[in-house]
Amino acid sequence: QVQLVESGGGLVQPGGSLRLSCAASETIFSFNAMGWYRQAPGKERELVARIGTGGITNYVDSVKGRFTISRDNAENTVYLQMSSLKPDDTAVYYCNTEPATTYWGKGTLVTVSS
């Protein structure tokens, strides 16, 4: 059974930090690259960070130097450490494999506002 459960979102002021977590089922986590995606109001979902099974990471330009993706293979969990948050980072954040499966969790809402 595919499971993706995101958590850790919330309201944060500009310049603040948050750490998102995603618990994934072993069946999809173990042999796949994982990604964090986000969907802002009125916009399409976009991939913002990716981590391969060996730990190599990639980021979209808009978050480079501010976001860090990591994975705990023993716990089937992927994290997104976000710092220096901006209002433009406001979105629902999702995790999935990369490329993404057709299954999506509920996501976790991040709101950056003063």
Protein backbone atom coordinates (compact mmCIF):
# COMPACT_ATOMS: atom_id res chain seq x y z
CA GLN A 1 0.00 0.00 0.00
CA VAL A 2 1.39 3.37 -1.02
CA GLN A 3 1.67 5.84 1.83
CA LEU A 4 2.93 9.41 1.81
CA VAL A 5 2.29 11.48 4.92
CA GLU A 6 3.65 15.01 5.05
CA SER A 7 3.93 17.07 8.22
CA GLY A 8 5.65 20.08 9.71
CA GLY A 9 4.00 22.97 7.92
CA GLY A 10 2.66 26.07 9.57
CA LEU A 11 2.67 29.84 9.69
CA VAL A 12 6.10 31.46 9.81
CA GLN A 13 7.36 35.00 9.41
CA PRO A 14 9.58 35.99 6.50
CA GLY A 15 13.15 34.98 7.25
CA GLY A 16 12.03 32.11 9.45
CA SER A 17 12.62 28.39 9.21
CA LEU A 18 10.59 25.20 9.09
CA ARG A 19 11.41 21.52 8.79
CA LEU A 20 9.05 19.32 6.83
CA SER A 21 8.90 15.56 7.17
CA CYS A 22 7.43 12.90 4.94
CA ALA A 23 6.86 9.31 6.01
CA ALA A 24 6.72 7.03 3.01
CA SER A 25 5.89 3.39 2.59
CA GLU A 26 8.93 1.22 2.13
CA THR A 27 7.67 -0.07 -1.18
CA ILE A 28 8.12 3.30 -2.86
CA PHE A 29 10.90 4.77 -0.76
CA SER A 30 13.61 2.16 -0.87
CA PHE A 31 14.57 2.15 -4.53
CA ASN A 32 13.48 5.57 -5.70
CA ALA A 33 14.69 9.10 -5.75
CA MET A 34 12.42 11.26 -3.62
CA GLY A 35 11.29 14.80 -4.17
CA TRP A 36 9.56 17.66 -2.44
CA TYR A 37 7.01 19.44 -4.56
CA ARG A 38 4.90 22.51 -3.88
CA GLN A 39 1.76 24.06 -5.25
CA ALA A 40 1.08 27.71 -4.63
CA PRO A 41 -2.42 29.17 -5.00
CA GLY A 42 -3.32 29.49 -8.66
CA LYS A 43 -0.12 27.81 -9.84
CA GLU A 44 0.86 24.37 -11.01
CA ARG A 45 2.70 21.95 -8.78
CA GLU A 46 6.47 22.18 -9.13
CA LEU A 47 9.41 20.08 -8.00
CA VAL A 48 11.62 22.09 -5.66
CA ALA A 49 14.12 19.53 -4.35
CA ARG A 50 15.21 16.01 -5.23
CA ILE A 51 17.41 13.45 -3.52
CA GLY A 52 18.63 10.28 -5.15
CA THR A 53 19.01 6.93 -3.46
CA GLY A 54 22.70 7.66 -3.00
CA GLY A 55 22.10 11.09 -1.52
CA ILE A 56 22.81 13.34 -4.48
CA THR A 57 20.59 16.42 -4.27
CA ASN A 58 19.20 18.90 -6.77
CA TYR A 59 17.22 22.09 -6.23
CA VAL A 60 15.21 24.52 -8.26
CA ASP A 61 17.02 27.84 -8.52
CA SER A 62 14.52 29.70 -6.37
CA VAL A 63 15.35 27.64 -3.26
CA LYS A 64 19.05 26.96 -3.73
CA GLY A 65 21.02 27.90 -0.66
CA ARG A 66 17.88 28.11 1.48
CA PHE A 67 16.37 24.60 1.39
CA THR A 68 18.06 21.31 2.19
CA ILE A 69 16.56 17.92 1.38
CA SER A 70 17.68 14.80 3.20
CA ARG A 71 16.52 11.23 3.66
CA ASP A 72 16.65 8.63 6.41
CA ASN A 73 16.65 5.29 4.64
CA ALA A 74 16.19 3.36 7.88
CA GLU A 75 13.00 5.25 8.68
CA ASN A 76 11.69 5.67 5.11
CA THR A 77 11.48 9.40 5.76
CA VAL A 78 12.48 12.39 3.70
CA TYR A 79 12.97 15.86 5.15
CA LEU A 80 13.01 19.40 3.83
CA GLN A 81 14.79 21.97 5.97
CA MET A 82 13.68 25.41 4.87
CA SER A 83 15.34 28.62 5.99
CA SER A 84 15.24 32.29 5.00
CA LEU A 85 11.64 31.74 4.02
CA LYS A 86 9.94 34.22 1.73
CA PRO A 87 6.26 34.97 1.09
CA ASP A 88 6.73 33.37 -2.36
CA ASP A 89 7.43 30.06 -0.58
CA THR A 90 3.81 29.96 0.58
CA ALA A 91 2.32 26.75 -0.81
CA VAL A 92 1.12 23.27 -0.01
CA TYR A 93 4.18 21.03 0.08
CA TYR A 94 4.07 17.40 -0.99
CA CYS A 95 6.57 14.60 -1.17
CA ASN A 96 6.63 11.89 -3.79
CA THR A 97 9.05 9.83 -5.75
CA GLU A 98 10.87 11.60 -8.57
CA PRO A 99 9.50 11.12 -11.15
CA ALA A 100 6.26 11.27 -9.22
CA THR A 101 3.79 8.44 -8.87
CA THR A 102 0.13 9.10 -9.49
CA TYR A 103 -0.59 8.88 -5.75
CA TRP A 104 -0.34 12.10 -3.75
CA GLY A 105 -0.67 12.60 -0.02
CA LYS A 106 -2.59 15.47 1.55
CA GLY A 107 0.45 17.71 1.73
CA THR A 108 1.34 20.22 4.43
CA LEU A 109 0.58 23.92 4.19
CA VAL A 110 3.39 26.43 4.60
CA THR A 111 2.37 30.05 4.98
CA VAL A 112 5.05 32.72 5.06
CA SER A 113 3.58 35.99 6.23
CA SER A 114 4.15 38.75 8.70
